[in-house]
N, C-alpha and C. Protein backbone atom coordinates (compact mmCIF):
# COMPACT_ATOMS: atom_id res chain seq x y z
N UNK A 1 79.56 122.06 94.53
CA UNK A 1 80.99 121.33 94.71
C UNK A 1 81.17 120.09 93.93
N UNK A 2 82.29 119.80 93.40
CA UNK A 2 82.26 118.64 92.59
C UNK A 2 82.96 117.59 93.66
N UNK A 3 82.80 116.34 93.26
CA UNK A 3 83.69 115.34 93.87
C UNK A 3 84.98 114.69 93.16
N UNK A 4 86.01 114.48 93.81
CA UNK A 4 87.08 114.05 93.01
C UNK A 4 87.37 112.42 92.46
N UNK A 5 87.55 112.51 91.19
CA UNK A 5 88.04 110.81 91.17
C UNK A 5 88.87 110.85 90.24
N UNK A 6 89.84 109.82 90.18
CA UNK A 6 91.39 109.76 89.60
C UNK A 6 91.28 108.17 89.07
N UNK A 7 92.04 108.57 87.86
CA UNK A 7 92.27 107.97 87.19
C UNK A 7 93.63 106.98 87.44
N UNK A 8 93.54 105.11 87.48
CA UNK A 8 94.60 104.84 87.97
C UNK A 8 96.19 105.05 87.35
N UNK A 9 96.50 105.99 86.61
CA UNK A 9 97.73 106.84 85.88
C UNK A 9 97.88 108.04 86.34
N UNK A 10 96.72 108.70 87.39
CA UNK A 10 97.28 110.02 87.91
C UNK A 10 98.33 109.91 88.73
N UNK A 11 98.49 108.69 89.79
CA UNK A 11 99.26 108.66 90.70
C UNK A 11 100.47 108.55 90.13
N UNK A 12 101.15 108.17 88.99
CA UNK A 12 102.35 108.21 88.89
C UNK A 12 102.70 109.25 88.05
N UNK A 13 101.77 110.05 87.28
CA UNK A 13 101.74 111.31 86.97
C UNK A 13 102.09 112.25 88.11
N UNK A 14 101.40 112.30 89.07
CA UNK A 14 101.63 113.26 90.12
C UNK A 14 102.78 112.93 91.08
N UNK A 15 102.92 111.92 91.03
CA UNK A 15 104.33 111.52 92.12
C UNK A 15 105.34 112.10 91.28
N UNK A 16 105.80 112.00 89.82
CA UNK A 16 107.08 112.64 89.45
C UNK A 16 106.79 114.31 89.91
N UNK A 17 106.06 114.85 90.44
CA UNK A 17 106.78 116.15 90.45
C UNK A 17 106.96 116.71 91.78
N UNK A 18 107.77 118.01 91.39
CA UNK A 18 108.51 118.54 92.79
C UNK A 18 107.56 118.60 93.36
N UNK A 19 107.84 118.80 94.90
CA UNK A 19 106.80 119.22 96.55
C UNK A 19 106.05 120.43 96.22
N UNK A 20 106.98 121.66 95.47
CA UNK A 20 106.38 122.56 95.36
C UNK A 20 105.23 122.97 93.85
N UNK A 21 105.81 122.04 93.62
CA UNK A 21 104.23 122.01 92.20
C UNK A 21 103.02 121.14 92.52
N UNK A 22 103.50 120.16 93.33
CA UNK A 22 102.29 119.41 93.84
C UNK A 22 101.70 120.41 94.78
N UNK A 23 101.75 120.76 95.65
CA UNK A 23 101.20 121.92 96.63
C UNK A 23 100.49 122.33 95.54
N UNK A 24 101.16 123.33 94.66
CA UNK A 24 100.15 123.82 93.04
C UNK A 24 99.24 123.62 92.45
N UNK A 25 99.68 122.23 92.50
CA UNK A 25 98.66 121.06 92.20
C UNK A 25 97.14 121.11 92.27
N UNK A 26 97.55 121.01 94.00
CA UNK A 26 96.53 120.32 94.74
C UNK A 26 95.76 121.91 94.90
N UNK A 27 96.19 122.80 95.11
CA UNK A 27 95.39 124.05 95.30
C UNK A 27 94.47 124.75 94.32
N UNK A 28 95.40 123.78 92.64
CA UNK A 28 93.91 123.87 91.40
C UNK A 28 92.99 123.22 91.39
N UNK A 29 93.43 121.94 91.79
CA UNK A 29 92.26 121.10 91.87
C UNK A 29 91.04 121.58 92.89
N UNK A 30 91.19 121.84 93.91
CA UNK A 30 90.24 122.64 94.57
C UNK A 30 89.55 123.77 94.14
N UNK A 31 90.08 124.35 93.50
CA UNK A 31 89.72 125.49 92.63
C UNK A 31 88.58 124.52 91.33
N UNK A 32 88.85 123.78 90.70
CA UNK A 32 87.93 122.79 89.76
C UNK A 32 87.25 122.52 90.37
N UNK A 33 87.36 121.60 91.83
CA UNK A 33 86.33 120.80 92.46
C UNK A 33 85.06 121.69 92.74
N UNK A 34 85.72 123.57 93.00
CA UNK A 34 84.87 124.59 93.39
C UNK A 34 83.63 124.82 92.46
N UNK A 35 84.38 124.64 91.15
CA UNK A 35 83.39 124.79 90.04
C UNK A 35 83.85 125.22 89.04
N UNK A 36 85.39 125.97 88.91
CA UNK A 36 86.24 126.65 88.14
C UNK A 36 86.11 126.14 86.71
N UNK A 37 85.68 126.71 85.64
CA UNK A 37 85.09 126.27 84.22
C UNK A 37 86.26 126.55 83.64
N UNK A 38 86.66 125.05 82.96
CA UNK A 38 87.51 124.57 82.24
C UNK A 38 87.50 124.82 80.94
N UNK A 39 88.77 125.04 80.08
CA UNK A 39 88.78 124.81 78.70
C UNK A 39 88.91 123.55 77.94
N UNK A 40 87.88 123.40 77.23
CA UNK A 40 88.17 122.05 76.38
C UNK A 40 89.25 121.82 75.46
N UNK A 41 89.57 120.24 76.08
CA UNK A 41 90.93 119.84 75.08
C UNK A 41 90.80 120.16 73.29
N UNK A 42 91.37 120.20 72.16
CA UNK A 42 90.83 120.44 71.03
C UNK A 42 90.85 118.84 70.62
N UNK A 43 91.94 118.12 71.27
CA UNK A 43 91.25 116.85 70.53
C UNK A 43 90.32 115.89 71.38
N UNK A 44 89.77 116.58 72.36
CA UNK A 44 88.69 115.48 72.99
C UNK A 44 87.17 116.67 73.65
N UNK A 45 86.22 116.53 73.30
CA UNK A 45 85.56 117.12 73.73
C UNK A 45 85.15 116.84 75.26
N UNK A 46 85.56 115.86 76.02
CA UNK A 46 85.40 115.13 77.12
C UNK A 46 86.12 115.72 77.95
N UNK A 47 87.50 116.04 77.53
CA UNK A 47 88.32 116.48 78.28
C UNK A 47 88.66 118.35 78.50
N UNK A 48 88.59 118.57 79.62
CA UNK A 48 88.85 120.08 79.96
C UNK A 48 90.63 119.74 80.75
N UNK A 49 91.25 120.92 80.55
CA UNK A 49 92.88 121.45 80.79
C UNK A 49 92.93 123.00 81.39
N UNK A 50 93.47 122.58 82.56
CA UNK A 50 93.75 123.72 83.52
C UNK A 50 95.43 123.76 83.07
N UNK A 51 96.04 124.94 83.59
CA UNK A 51 97.42 125.28 83.54
C UNK A 51 97.72 125.80 85.17
N UNK A 52 98.76 125.18 85.16
CA UNK A 52 99.50 125.91 86.54
C UNK A 52 100.95 126.02 86.03
N UNK A 53 101.29 126.93 85.90
CA UNK A 53 102.54 127.34 85.52
C UNK A 53 102.88 126.41 84.14
N UNK A 54 104.03 126.00 83.92
CA UNK A 54 104.28 125.18 82.93
C UNK A 54 103.68 123.65 82.99
N UNK A 55 102.63 123.48 83.93
CA UNK A 55 102.33 122.46 84.05
C UNK A 55 100.71 122.29 83.54
N UNK A 56 100.19 121.07 83.22
CA UNK A 56 98.73 121.09 82.71
C UNK A 56 98.04 119.99 83.49
N UNK A 57 96.98 119.96 83.81
CA UNK A 57 95.95 119.01 84.31
C UNK A 57 94.65 118.92 83.38
N UNK A 58 94.61 117.64 83.47
CA UNK A 58 93.42 116.99 82.36
C UNK A 58 92.85 116.51 83.27
N UNK A 59 91.28 116.26 82.86
CA UNK A 59 90.29 115.93 83.79
C UNK A 59 88.92 115.89 82.89
N UNK A 60 88.06 115.32 82.81
CA UNK A 60 86.59 115.26 82.50
C UNK A 60 85.53 115.55 83.87
N UNK A 61 84.16 116.36 83.30
CA UNK A 61 83.59 116.52 84.49
C UNK A 61 82.25 115.93 83.94
N UNK A 62 81.51 114.98 84.91
CA UNK A 62 80.15 114.20 85.15
C UNK A 62 79.56 115.56 85.98
N UNK A 63 78.44 115.91 85.11
CA UNK A 63 77.54 116.94 85.57
C UNK A 63 76.18 116.42 86.21
N UNK A 64 75.90 115.20 85.82
CA UNK A 64 74.63 114.97 86.35
C UNK A 64 75.25 113.92 87.58
N UNK A 65 76.69 113.45 87.75
CA UNK A 65 76.97 113.15 89.39
C UNK A 65 77.80 113.79 89.63
N UNK A 66 77.82 115.13 89.63
CA UNK A 66 79.01 115.92 89.86
C UNK A 66 80.18 115.68 90.42
N UNK A 67 80.68 115.07 89.38
CA UNK A 67 82.29 114.37 89.67
C UNK A 67 83.54 114.83 88.56
N UNK A 68 84.06 115.13 89.16
CA UNK A 68 85.63 115.51 87.91
C UNK A 68 86.75 114.43 88.42
N UNK A 69 86.85 113.65 86.97
CA UNK A 69 87.82 113.04 86.97
C UNK A 69 89.00 113.30 86.39
N UNK A 70 90.14 113.11 87.19
CA UNK A 70 91.23 113.82 86.88
C UNK A 70 92.38 112.36 86.03
N UNK A 71 92.99 113.30 85.21
CA UNK A 71 93.61 111.70 84.29
C UNK A 71 95.15 112.06 84.13
N UNK A 72 95.33 113.25 84.22
CA UNK A 72 97.07 113.63 83.68
C UNK A 72 97.35 115.10 84.44
N UNK A 73 98.64 114.99 85.01
CA UNK A 73 99.57 116.15 84.85
C UNK A 73 100.58 116.17 85.05
N UNK A 74 100.98 117.19 84.16
CA UNK A 74 102.59 116.76 83.49
C UNK A 74 102.89 118.72 82.95
N UNK A 75 104.18 118.29 82.85
CA UNK A 75 104.72 119.86 82.22
C UNK A 75 104.34 119.47 80.83
N UNK A 76 104.32 120.74 79.86
CA UNK A 76 103.57 121.33 78.46
C UNK A 76 104.60 119.99 77.29
N UNK A 77 105.74 119.79 77.77
CA UNK A 77 105.95 118.78 76.39
C UNK A 77 105.12 116.85 77.19
N UNK A 78 105.57 117.04 78.96
CA UNK A 78 104.97 115.41 78.62
C UNK A 78 103.32 115.62 78.10
N UNK A 79 102.33 116.86 78.33
CA UNK A 79 101.24 117.08 77.99
C UNK A 79 101.03 116.56 76.48
N UNK A 80 101.65 117.18 75.75
CA UNK A 80 102.29 116.94 74.36
C UNK A 80 102.00 115.40 74.07
N UNK A 81 103.08 114.86 74.60
CA UNK A 81 103.36 113.01 74.30
C UNK A 81 101.99 112.71 74.67
N UNK A 82 101.00 113.04 75.65
CA UNK A 82 100.10 112.23 76.38
C UNK A 82 99.04 112.59 75.60
N UNK A 83 98.86 113.52 74.70
CA UNK A 83 97.83 113.72 73.78
C UNK A 83 97.86 113.45 72.59
N UNK A 84 99.15 112.73 72.67
CA UNK A 84 99.88 111.92 71.25
C UNK A 84 100.36 112.61 70.10
N UNK A 85 101.05 114.00 70.18
CA UNK A 85 101.56 114.83 69.27
C UNK A 85 102.88 114.75 69.01
């Protein structure tokens, strides 16, 4: 089991979501914290991405500290913008 940490920008991304989407994101985060293996982002080996329907969650994993730090959640267009496309 991992401990969660949230980047200072996470709150702004999360608060923009609809309540039903927030619930789905929270469920996915719980799975990630339980050890769900993520897939690496193509543009950064330190980041992982999980999909929740049309939404993406980006995070890093510190295996030594057993911490997963969450940076971004948003739809696929916001995700591409966050990545810098």
